[in-house]
Amino acid sequence: MIKFREASLKDLELYFKWTNDQFVREHSFKSEKIDMQKHEFWFNEKLSDPDCLMLVFYDEFERNIGQIRFQKQDNYSSIISVSVDKNYRGKGYSKRIIKIASDYYRKQFSKMTIKAFIKKSNVFSVKSFKSAGFEFSKTLIHENFQTLLYIRKCK
C-alpha cells in the first residue's frame, strides 16, 4: 500500500539525496550536482511557498518511495515534477504516485491543468505520465532541451 504526506523540514536530507541521484540529474533540465547550501535554501523556500505542494510517498513499512512537487504557475496551471528512489524504479511506482498525487491535487484545485515537462529522451517518464492519465500536448524547447509537454486538464 502506498501512502503519502506533505514534506516537512525533516525531509531536507532525503530530498537532497534524491535530487543528487545520478539518474535524476541525467533526466533533469539542470544536470549539475546541487550543493547542500543551495538545496537547503531552495527547500526552505519551497516549503514556505503557498503555491508549492511537496508530497513524500512511502510504503506500508514506511520506506520512502519518492516525491512529487506541484508548483502553481498561474490561476489555471501547475507544473508537476517527480522522482522515485532508486530502490523503487522499474516497479510501476512512478505512474502510481503520479496518479495518486494528481488526484489529490485536483481535489484541492479542480480548475488547474497540471503540466509535465519531460525531456524527449526520458522515455521512462513519458510512459509513467501516459499511464497516469496525462495526454501529450506538444513538443517544444524548454530549458534548451527538446521537451514533450504532457497535461492533465481540469474537468
N, C-alpha and C. Protein backbone atom coordinates (compact mmCIF):
# COMPACT_ATOMS: atom_id res chain seq x y z
N MET A 1 0.85 -1.19 0.00
CA MET A 1 0.00 0.00 0.00
C MET A 1 0.89 1.25 0.00
N ILE A 2 0.54 2.19 -0.84
CA ILE A 2 1.28 3.44 -0.94
C ILE A 2 0.55 4.51 -0.13
N LYS A 3 1.31 5.24 0.67
CA LYS A 3 0.78 6.34 1.47
C LYS A 3 1.60 7.58 1.13
N PHE A 4 1.09 8.73 1.54
CA PHE A 4 1.86 9.96 1.33
C PHE A 4 1.55 10.96 2.43
N ARG A 5 2.45 11.92 2.53
CA ARG A 5 2.30 13.03 3.47
C ARG A 5 2.95 14.25 2.84
N GLU A 6 2.63 15.42 3.38
CA GLU A 6 3.31 16.63 2.90
C GLU A 6 4.73 16.64 3.43
N ALA A 7 5.63 17.13 2.62
CA ALA A 7 7.04 17.23 3.03
C ALA A 7 7.17 18.23 4.18
N SER A 8 8.20 18.03 4.98
CA SER A 8 8.48 18.93 6.11
C SER A 8 9.99 19.15 6.21
N LEU A 9 10.39 19.99 7.14
CA LEU A 9 11.82 20.27 7.33
C LEU A 9 12.65 19.02 7.56
N LYS A 10 12.06 18.01 8.16
CA LYS A 10 12.81 16.78 8.43
C LYS A 10 13.18 16.03 7.15
N ASP A 11 12.61 16.42 6.02
CA ASP A 11 12.88 15.76 4.74
C ASP A 11 14.02 16.40 3.94
N LEU A 12 14.67 17.39 4.51
CA LEU A 12 15.73 18.10 3.80
C LEU A 12 16.78 17.15 3.23
N GLU A 13 17.32 16.27 4.05
CA GLU A 13 18.38 15.36 3.60
C GLU A 13 17.85 14.31 2.64
N LEU A 14 16.64 13.86 2.83
CA LEU A 14 16.03 12.89 1.92
C LEU A 14 15.91 13.50 0.52
N TYR A 15 15.40 14.71 0.43
CA TYR A 15 15.28 15.38 -0.87
C TYR A 15 16.66 15.65 -1.46
N PHE A 16 17.62 15.97 -0.62
CA PHE A 16 18.98 16.20 -1.09
C PHE A 16 19.54 14.92 -1.73
N LYS A 17 19.31 13.79 -1.09
CA LYS A 17 19.76 12.50 -1.64
C LYS A 17 19.07 12.24 -2.98
N TRP A 18 17.77 12.44 -3.02
CA TRP A 18 17.03 12.18 -4.25
C TRP A 18 17.45 13.12 -5.37
N THR A 19 17.60 14.39 -5.08
CA THR A 19 17.91 15.35 -6.14
C THR A 19 19.31 15.15 -6.72
N ASN A 20 20.22 14.60 -5.94
CA ASN A 20 21.58 14.38 -6.44
C ASN A 20 21.82 12.96 -6.95
N ASP A 21 20.79 12.15 -7.00
CA ASP A 21 20.89 10.83 -7.58
C ASP A 21 21.29 10.99 -9.06
N GLN A 22 22.23 10.17 -9.51
CA GLN A 22 22.76 10.30 -10.87
C GLN A 22 21.66 10.21 -11.93
N PHE A 23 20.74 9.28 -11.80
CA PHE A 23 19.64 9.12 -12.76
C PHE A 23 18.76 10.37 -12.77
N VAL A 24 18.47 10.91 -11.61
CA VAL A 24 17.64 12.12 -11.51
C VAL A 24 18.35 13.29 -12.18
N ARG A 25 19.64 13.46 -11.91
CA ARG A 25 20.40 14.55 -12.52
C ARG A 25 20.41 14.42 -14.04
N GLU A 26 20.58 13.21 -14.56
CA GLU A 26 20.62 13.00 -16.01
C GLU A 26 19.31 13.38 -16.69
N HIS A 27 18.20 13.19 -16.01
CA HIS A 27 16.90 13.47 -16.62
C HIS A 27 16.32 14.82 -16.23
N SER A 28 17.06 15.58 -15.44
CA SER A 28 16.63 16.92 -15.05
C SER A 28 17.06 17.93 -16.12
N PHE A 29 16.42 19.07 -16.11
CA PHE A 29 16.78 20.11 -17.06
C PHE A 29 18.09 20.80 -16.67
N LYS A 30 18.45 20.71 -15.41
CA LYS A 30 19.74 21.21 -14.93
C LYS A 30 20.45 20.01 -14.32
N SER A 31 21.47 19.52 -15.03
CA SER A 31 22.05 18.23 -14.67
C SER A 31 23.22 18.29 -13.68
N GLU A 32 23.70 19.49 -13.36
CA GLU A 32 24.82 19.56 -12.43
C GLU A 32 24.38 19.20 -11.00
N LYS A 33 25.32 18.63 -10.25
CA LYS A 33 25.03 18.30 -8.84
C LYS A 33 24.69 19.57 -8.08
N ILE A 34 23.92 19.41 -7.04
CA ILE A 34 23.47 20.55 -6.23
C ILE A 34 24.14 20.45 -4.87
N ASP A 35 24.71 21.58 -4.43
CA ASP A 35 25.36 21.54 -3.11
C ASP A 35 24.32 21.78 -2.01
N MET A 36 24.66 21.36 -0.81
CA MET A 36 23.71 21.38 0.30
C MET A 36 23.23 22.80 0.62
N GLN A 37 24.09 23.77 0.54
CA GLN A 37 23.70 25.14 0.88
C GLN A 37 22.61 25.64 -0.07
N LYS A 38 22.80 25.43 -1.37
CA LYS A 38 21.78 25.84 -2.35
C LYS A 38 20.49 25.03 -2.16
N HIS A 39 20.66 23.75 -1.92
CA HIS A 39 19.50 22.88 -1.73
C HIS A 39 18.69 23.32 -0.51
N GLU A 40 19.37 23.59 0.58
CA GLU A 40 18.69 23.99 1.81
C GLU A 40 17.90 25.27 1.61
N PHE A 41 18.50 26.24 0.91
CA PHE A 41 17.79 27.49 0.61
C PHE A 41 16.55 27.21 -0.23
N TRP A 42 16.73 26.43 -1.31
CA TRP A 42 15.62 26.09 -2.20
C TRP A 42 14.52 25.34 -1.44
N PHE A 43 14.91 24.35 -0.65
CA PHE A 43 13.95 23.52 0.06
C PHE A 43 13.12 24.35 1.03
N ASN A 44 13.75 25.19 1.81
CA ASN A 44 13.03 26.04 2.77
C ASN A 44 12.11 27.02 2.04
N GLU A 45 12.57 27.52 0.92
CA GLU A 45 11.76 28.44 0.12
C GLU A 45 10.50 27.73 -0.39
N LYS A 46 10.66 26.52 -0.88
CA LYS A 46 9.52 25.76 -1.42
C LYS A 46 8.54 25.38 -0.31
N LEU A 47 9.04 24.98 0.84
CA LEU A 47 8.14 24.63 1.96
C LEU A 47 7.28 25.80 2.39
N SER A 48 7.82 27.00 2.30
CA SER A 48 7.06 28.17 2.74
C SER A 48 6.26 28.83 1.61
N ASP A 49 6.39 28.33 0.40
CA ASP A 49 5.70 28.89 -0.76
C ASP A 49 4.26 28.36 -0.80
N PRO A 50 3.25 29.23 -0.68
CA PRO A 50 1.86 28.76 -0.71
C PRO A 50 1.44 28.20 -2.08
N ASP A 51 2.23 28.47 -3.11
CA ASP A 51 1.94 27.97 -4.44
C ASP A 51 2.68 26.67 -4.77
N CYS A 52 3.27 26.07 -3.75
CA CYS A 52 4.02 24.83 -3.94
C CYS A 52 3.50 23.76 -2.97
N LEU A 53 3.31 22.56 -3.50
CA LEU A 53 2.91 21.43 -2.68
C LEU A 53 3.90 20.30 -2.93
N MET A 54 4.55 19.84 -1.87
CA MET A 54 5.53 18.76 -1.98
C MET A 54 5.03 17.57 -1.16
N LEU A 55 4.97 16.42 -1.81
CA LEU A 55 4.47 15.20 -1.18
C LEU A 55 5.54 14.13 -1.17
N VAL A 56 5.66 13.43 -0.05
CA VAL A 56 6.58 12.31 0.10
C VAL A 56 5.73 11.04 0.12
N PHE A 57 6.09 10.07 -0.72
CA PHE A 57 5.38 8.80 -0.79
C PHE A 57 6.21 7.71 -0.12
N TYR A 58 5.50 6.81 0.58
CA TYR A 58 6.18 5.73 1.30
C TYR A 58 5.29 4.50 1.30
N ASP A 59 5.90 3.35 1.61
CA ASP A 59 5.15 2.09 1.60
C ASP A 59 4.65 1.75 3.00
N GLU A 60 4.03 0.57 3.13
CA GLU A 60 3.44 0.17 4.41
C GLU A 60 4.47 -0.03 5.51
N PHE A 61 5.75 -0.15 5.12
CA PHE A 61 6.83 -0.29 6.11
C PHE A 61 7.54 1.04 6.37
N GLU A 62 6.93 2.12 5.85
CA GLU A 62 7.43 3.49 5.98
C GLU A 62 8.77 3.69 5.29
N ARG A 63 9.02 2.90 4.24
CA ARG A 63 10.20 3.10 3.41
C ARG A 63 9.84 4.12 2.33
N ASN A 64 10.69 5.11 2.16
CA ASN A 64 10.41 6.21 1.23
C ASN A 64 10.53 5.74 -0.22
N ILE A 65 9.49 6.03 -0.99
CA ILE A 65 9.41 5.62 -2.39
C ILE A 65 9.85 6.75 -3.31
N GLY A 66 9.37 7.96 -3.05
CA GLY A 66 9.68 9.07 -3.94
C GLY A 66 8.92 10.32 -3.55
N GLN A 67 9.00 11.30 -4.43
CA GLN A 67 8.36 12.58 -4.13
C GLN A 67 7.72 13.14 -5.38
N ILE A 68 6.72 13.98 -5.14
CA ILE A 68 6.07 14.74 -6.20
C ILE A 68 5.93 16.17 -5.72
N ARG A 69 6.19 17.08 -6.65
CA ARG A 69 6.05 18.51 -6.33
C ARG A 69 5.15 19.16 -7.37
N PHE A 70 4.22 19.96 -6.88
CA PHE A 70 3.36 20.78 -7.74
C PHE A 70 3.74 22.23 -7.51
N GLN A 71 4.00 22.96 -8.58
CA GLN A 71 4.31 24.37 -8.48
C GLN A 71 3.30 25.13 -9.32
N LYS A 72 2.49 25.93 -8.65
CA LYS A 72 1.47 26.72 -9.35
C LYS A 72 2.17 27.75 -10.24
N GLN A 73 1.75 27.81 -11.51
CA GLN A 73 2.29 28.79 -12.45
C GLN A 73 1.45 30.05 -12.48
N ASP A 74 0.15 29.85 -12.53
CA ASP A 74 -0.80 30.94 -12.60
C ASP A 74 -2.13 30.42 -12.05
N ASN A 75 -3.21 31.12 -12.30
CA ASN A 75 -4.51 30.69 -11.75
C ASN A 75 -5.10 29.47 -12.46
N TYR A 76 -4.44 29.02 -13.53
CA TYR A 76 -5.02 27.94 -14.33
C TYR A 76 -4.13 26.71 -14.47
N SER A 77 -2.85 26.83 -14.11
CA SER A 77 -1.96 25.69 -14.33
C SER A 77 -0.87 25.57 -13.28
N SER A 78 -0.45 24.32 -13.11
CA SER A 78 0.65 23.99 -12.20
C SER A 78 1.57 23.02 -12.92
N ILE A 79 2.83 23.04 -12.53
CA ILE A 79 3.82 22.12 -13.08
C ILE A 79 4.07 21.02 -12.05
N ILE A 80 4.12 19.79 -12.53
CA ILE A 80 4.39 18.65 -11.68
C ILE A 80 5.80 18.15 -11.95
N SER A 81 6.47 17.75 -10.89
CA SER A 81 7.77 17.07 -11.04
C SER A 81 7.78 15.87 -10.11
N VAL A 82 8.54 14.85 -10.50
CA VAL A 82 8.52 13.59 -9.76
C VAL A 82 9.92 12.99 -9.74
N SER A 83 10.24 12.32 -8.66
CA SER A 83 11.43 11.47 -8.63
C SER A 83 11.13 10.28 -7.74
N VAL A 84 11.66 9.14 -8.15
CA VAL A 84 11.45 7.89 -7.44
C VAL A 84 12.79 7.38 -6.93
N ASP A 85 12.82 6.93 -5.70
CA ASP A 85 14.03 6.38 -5.10
C ASP A 85 14.56 5.24 -5.97
N LYS A 86 15.88 5.16 -6.09
CA LYS A 86 16.48 4.15 -6.98
C LYS A 86 16.07 2.72 -6.63
N ASN A 87 15.73 2.45 -5.39
CA ASN A 87 15.30 1.11 -4.98
C ASN A 87 13.88 0.76 -5.45
N TYR A 88 13.14 1.75 -5.97
CA TYR A 88 11.75 1.53 -6.38
C TYR A 88 11.53 1.75 -7.87
N ARG A 89 12.57 2.08 -8.60
CA ARG A 89 12.43 2.31 -10.04
C ARG A 89 12.18 1.00 -10.78
N GLY A 90 11.43 1.12 -11.87
CA GLY A 90 11.17 -0.03 -12.72
C GLY A 90 10.13 -0.99 -12.17
N LYS A 91 9.41 -0.57 -11.14
CA LYS A 91 8.44 -1.44 -10.48
C LYS A 91 7.01 -0.87 -10.56
N GLY A 92 6.82 0.16 -11.38
CA GLY A 92 5.49 0.74 -11.56
C GLY A 92 5.09 1.78 -10.55
N TYR A 93 6.00 2.17 -9.67
CA TYR A 93 5.63 3.14 -8.63
C TYR A 93 5.41 4.55 -9.17
N SER A 94 6.20 4.95 -10.17
CA SER A 94 6.09 6.34 -10.64
C SER A 94 4.69 6.63 -11.18
N LYS A 95 4.14 5.75 -12.02
CA LYS A 95 2.80 6.02 -12.53
C LYS A 95 1.77 6.03 -11.41
N ARG A 96 1.96 5.16 -10.42
CA ARG A 96 1.00 5.11 -9.31
C ARG A 96 1.06 6.38 -8.46
N ILE A 97 2.27 6.85 -8.14
CA ILE A 97 2.34 8.06 -7.31
C ILE A 97 1.93 9.31 -8.09
N ILE A 98 2.19 9.32 -9.40
CA ILE A 98 1.73 10.46 -10.23
C ILE A 98 0.21 10.51 -10.21
N LYS A 99 -0.43 9.38 -10.38
CA LYS A 99 -1.90 9.31 -10.39
C LYS A 99 -2.48 9.70 -9.02
N ILE A 100 -1.93 9.12 -7.96
CA ILE A 100 -2.42 9.42 -6.61
C ILE A 100 -2.25 10.91 -6.29
N ALA A 101 -1.06 11.43 -6.57
CA ALA A 101 -0.77 12.84 -6.27
C ALA A 101 -1.64 13.77 -7.10
N SER A 102 -1.81 13.47 -8.38
CA SER A 102 -2.62 14.33 -9.25
C SER A 102 -4.08 14.33 -8.81
N ASP A 103 -4.60 13.17 -8.44
CA ASP A 103 -5.98 13.11 -7.94
C ASP A 103 -6.13 13.94 -6.66
N TYR A 104 -5.17 13.81 -5.77
CA TYR A 104 -5.18 14.58 -4.52
C TYR A 104 -5.12 16.09 -4.80
N TYR A 105 -4.23 16.47 -5.69
CA TYR A 105 -4.08 17.89 -6.03
C TYR A 105 -5.35 18.44 -6.67
N ARG A 106 -5.94 17.66 -7.56
CA ARG A 106 -7.14 18.11 -8.26
C ARG A 106 -8.33 18.25 -7.32
N LYS A 107 -8.36 17.50 -6.22
CA LYS A 107 -9.44 17.67 -5.25
C LYS A 107 -9.37 19.05 -4.60
N GLN A 108 -8.15 19.56 -4.44
CA GLN A 108 -7.96 20.87 -3.84
C GLN A 108 -8.06 22.00 -4.86
N PHE A 109 -7.61 21.73 -6.08
CA PHE A 109 -7.54 22.75 -7.13
C PHE A 109 -8.15 22.20 -8.41
N SER A 110 -9.46 22.08 -8.42
CA SER A 110 -10.16 21.40 -9.51
C SER A 110 -10.07 22.13 -10.85
N LYS A 111 -9.77 23.39 -10.84
CA LYS A 111 -9.72 24.17 -12.08
C LYS A 111 -8.33 24.19 -12.71
N MET A 112 -7.37 23.55 -12.07
CA MET A 112 -5.99 23.57 -12.54
C MET A 112 -5.71 22.51 -13.60
N THR A 113 -4.99 22.92 -14.63
CA THR A 113 -4.39 21.98 -15.57
C THR A 113 -3.00 21.68 -15.03
N ILE A 114 -2.65 20.41 -14.98
CA ILE A 114 -1.34 20.01 -14.48
C ILE A 114 -0.44 19.72 -15.68
N LYS A 115 0.73 20.36 -15.70
CA LYS A 115 1.67 20.23 -16.82
C LYS A 115 2.91 19.45 -16.38
N ALA A 116 3.33 18.54 -17.26
CA ALA A 116 4.58 17.80 -17.04
C ALA A 116 5.50 18.09 -18.22
N PHE A 117 6.61 18.74 -17.96
CA PHE A 117 7.63 18.99 -18.98
C PHE A 117 8.65 17.85 -18.88
N ILE A 118 8.78 17.08 -19.96
CA ILE A 118 9.62 15.88 -19.93
C ILE A 118 10.64 15.96 -21.06
N LYS A 119 11.91 15.77 -20.72
CA LYS A 119 12.93 15.69 -21.77
C LYS A 119 12.53 14.61 -22.76
N LYS A 120 12.68 14.89 -24.03
CA LYS A 120 12.28 13.94 -25.07
C LYS A 120 12.98 12.58 -24.89
N SER A 121 14.17 12.60 -24.34
CA SER A 121 14.94 11.37 -24.16
C SER A 121 14.48 10.54 -22.95
N ASN A 122 13.63 11.09 -22.12
CA ASN A 122 13.22 10.42 -20.89
C ASN A 122 11.97 9.55 -21.14
N VAL A 123 12.19 8.42 -21.79
CA VAL A 123 11.09 7.53 -22.15
C VAL A 123 10.38 6.96 -20.93
N PHE A 124 11.11 6.81 -19.82
CA PHE A 124 10.50 6.27 -18.60
C PHE A 124 9.42 7.20 -18.07
N SER A 125 9.71 8.50 -18.03
CA SER A 125 8.72 9.46 -17.54
C SER A 125 7.54 9.58 -18.49
N VAL A 126 7.80 9.55 -19.79
CA VAL A 126 6.70 9.61 -20.76
C VAL A 126 5.73 8.46 -20.50
N LYS A 127 6.26 7.27 -20.35
CA LYS A 127 5.41 6.09 -20.11
C LYS A 127 4.62 6.24 -18.81
N SER A 128 5.29 6.73 -17.76
CA SER A 128 4.63 6.89 -16.46
C SER A 128 3.50 7.91 -16.52
N PHE A 129 3.76 9.06 -17.14
CA PHE A 129 2.73 10.09 -17.20
C PHE A 129 1.56 9.66 -18.08
N LYS A 130 1.84 8.99 -19.19
CA LYS A 130 0.75 8.48 -20.04
C LYS A 130 -0.09 7.48 -19.26
N SER A 131 0.56 6.58 -18.53
CA SER A 131 -0.17 5.57 -17.74
C SER A 131 -0.98 6.19 -16.62
N ALA A 132 -0.56 7.37 -16.16
CA ALA A 132 -1.26 8.06 -15.07
C ALA A 132 -2.38 8.97 -15.57
N GLY A 133 -2.66 8.94 -16.87
CA GLY A 133 -3.78 9.71 -17.40
C GLY A 133 -3.43 11.06 -18.00
N PHE A 134 -2.16 11.34 -18.17
CA PHE A 134 -1.74 12.60 -18.82
C PHE A 134 -1.76 12.40 -20.33
N GLU A 135 -2.05 13.48 -21.05
CA GLU A 135 -2.13 13.42 -22.51
C GLU A 135 -1.03 14.28 -23.12
N PHE A 136 -0.50 13.81 -24.24
CA PHE A 136 0.51 14.58 -24.96
C PHE A 136 -0.13 15.87 -25.47
N SER A 137 0.58 16.99 -25.29
CA SER A 137 0.08 18.28 -25.76
C SER A 137 0.90 18.77 -26.95
N LYS A 138 2.24 18.85 -26.78
CA LYS A 138 3.08 19.34 -27.87
C LYS A 138 4.55 19.11 -27.55
N THR A 139 5.37 19.27 -28.57
CA THR A 139 6.82 19.26 -28.43
C THR A 139 7.29 20.72 -28.45
N LEU A 140 8.24 21.04 -27.60
CA LEU A 140 8.74 22.40 -27.51
C LEU A 140 10.17 22.40 -26.99
N ILE A 141 10.79 23.55 -27.03
CA ILE A 141 12.10 23.73 -26.41
C ILE A 141 11.85 24.31 -25.02
N HIS A 142 12.34 23.62 -24.01
CA HIS A 142 12.21 24.05 -22.62
C HIS A 142 13.58 23.91 -21.97
N GLU A 143 14.08 24.99 -21.41
CA GLU A 143 15.40 24.96 -20.76
C GLU A 143 16.47 24.43 -21.73
N ASN A 144 16.35 24.81 -23.01
CA ASN A 144 17.30 24.44 -24.08
C ASN A 144 17.29 22.96 -24.44
N PHE A 145 16.23 22.24 -24.12
CA PHE A 145 16.12 20.82 -24.45
C PHE A 145 14.84 20.57 -25.26
N GLN A 146 14.91 19.61 -26.18
CA GLN A 146 13.71 19.12 -26.83
C GLN A 146 12.84 18.51 -25.73
N THR A 147 11.64 19.00 -25.60
CA THR A 147 10.79 18.64 -24.47
C THR A 147 9.40 18.26 -24.94
N LEU A 148 8.83 17.29 -24.27
CA LEU A 148 7.45 16.89 -24.51
C LEU A 148 6.60 17.45 -23.37
N LEU A 149 5.51 18.06 -23.73
CA LEU A 149 4.59 18.58 -22.71
C LEU A 149 3.39 17.63 -22.63
N TYR A 150 3.21 17.07 -21.46
CA TYR A 150 2.04 16.24 -21.16
C TYR A 150 1.19 17.00 -20.17
N ILE A 151 -0.13 16.91 -20.34
CA ILE A 151 -1.03 17.65 -19.45
C ILE A 151 -2.16 16.76 -18.96
N ARG A 152 -2.66 17.15 -17.82
CA ARG A 152 -3.91 16.59 -17.29
C ARG A 152 -4.83 17.79 -17.09
N LYS A 153 -5.83 17.88 -17.94
CA LYS A 153 -6.73 19.03 -17.93
C LYS A 153 -7.72 18.96 -16.78
N CYS A 154 -8.22 20.15 -16.43
CA CYS A 154 -9.29 20.18 -15.44
C CYS A 154 -10.56 19.65 -16.08
N LYS A 155 -11.46 19.18 -15.25
CA LYS A 155 -12.70 18.59 -15.77
C LYS A 155 -13.74 19.64 -16.02
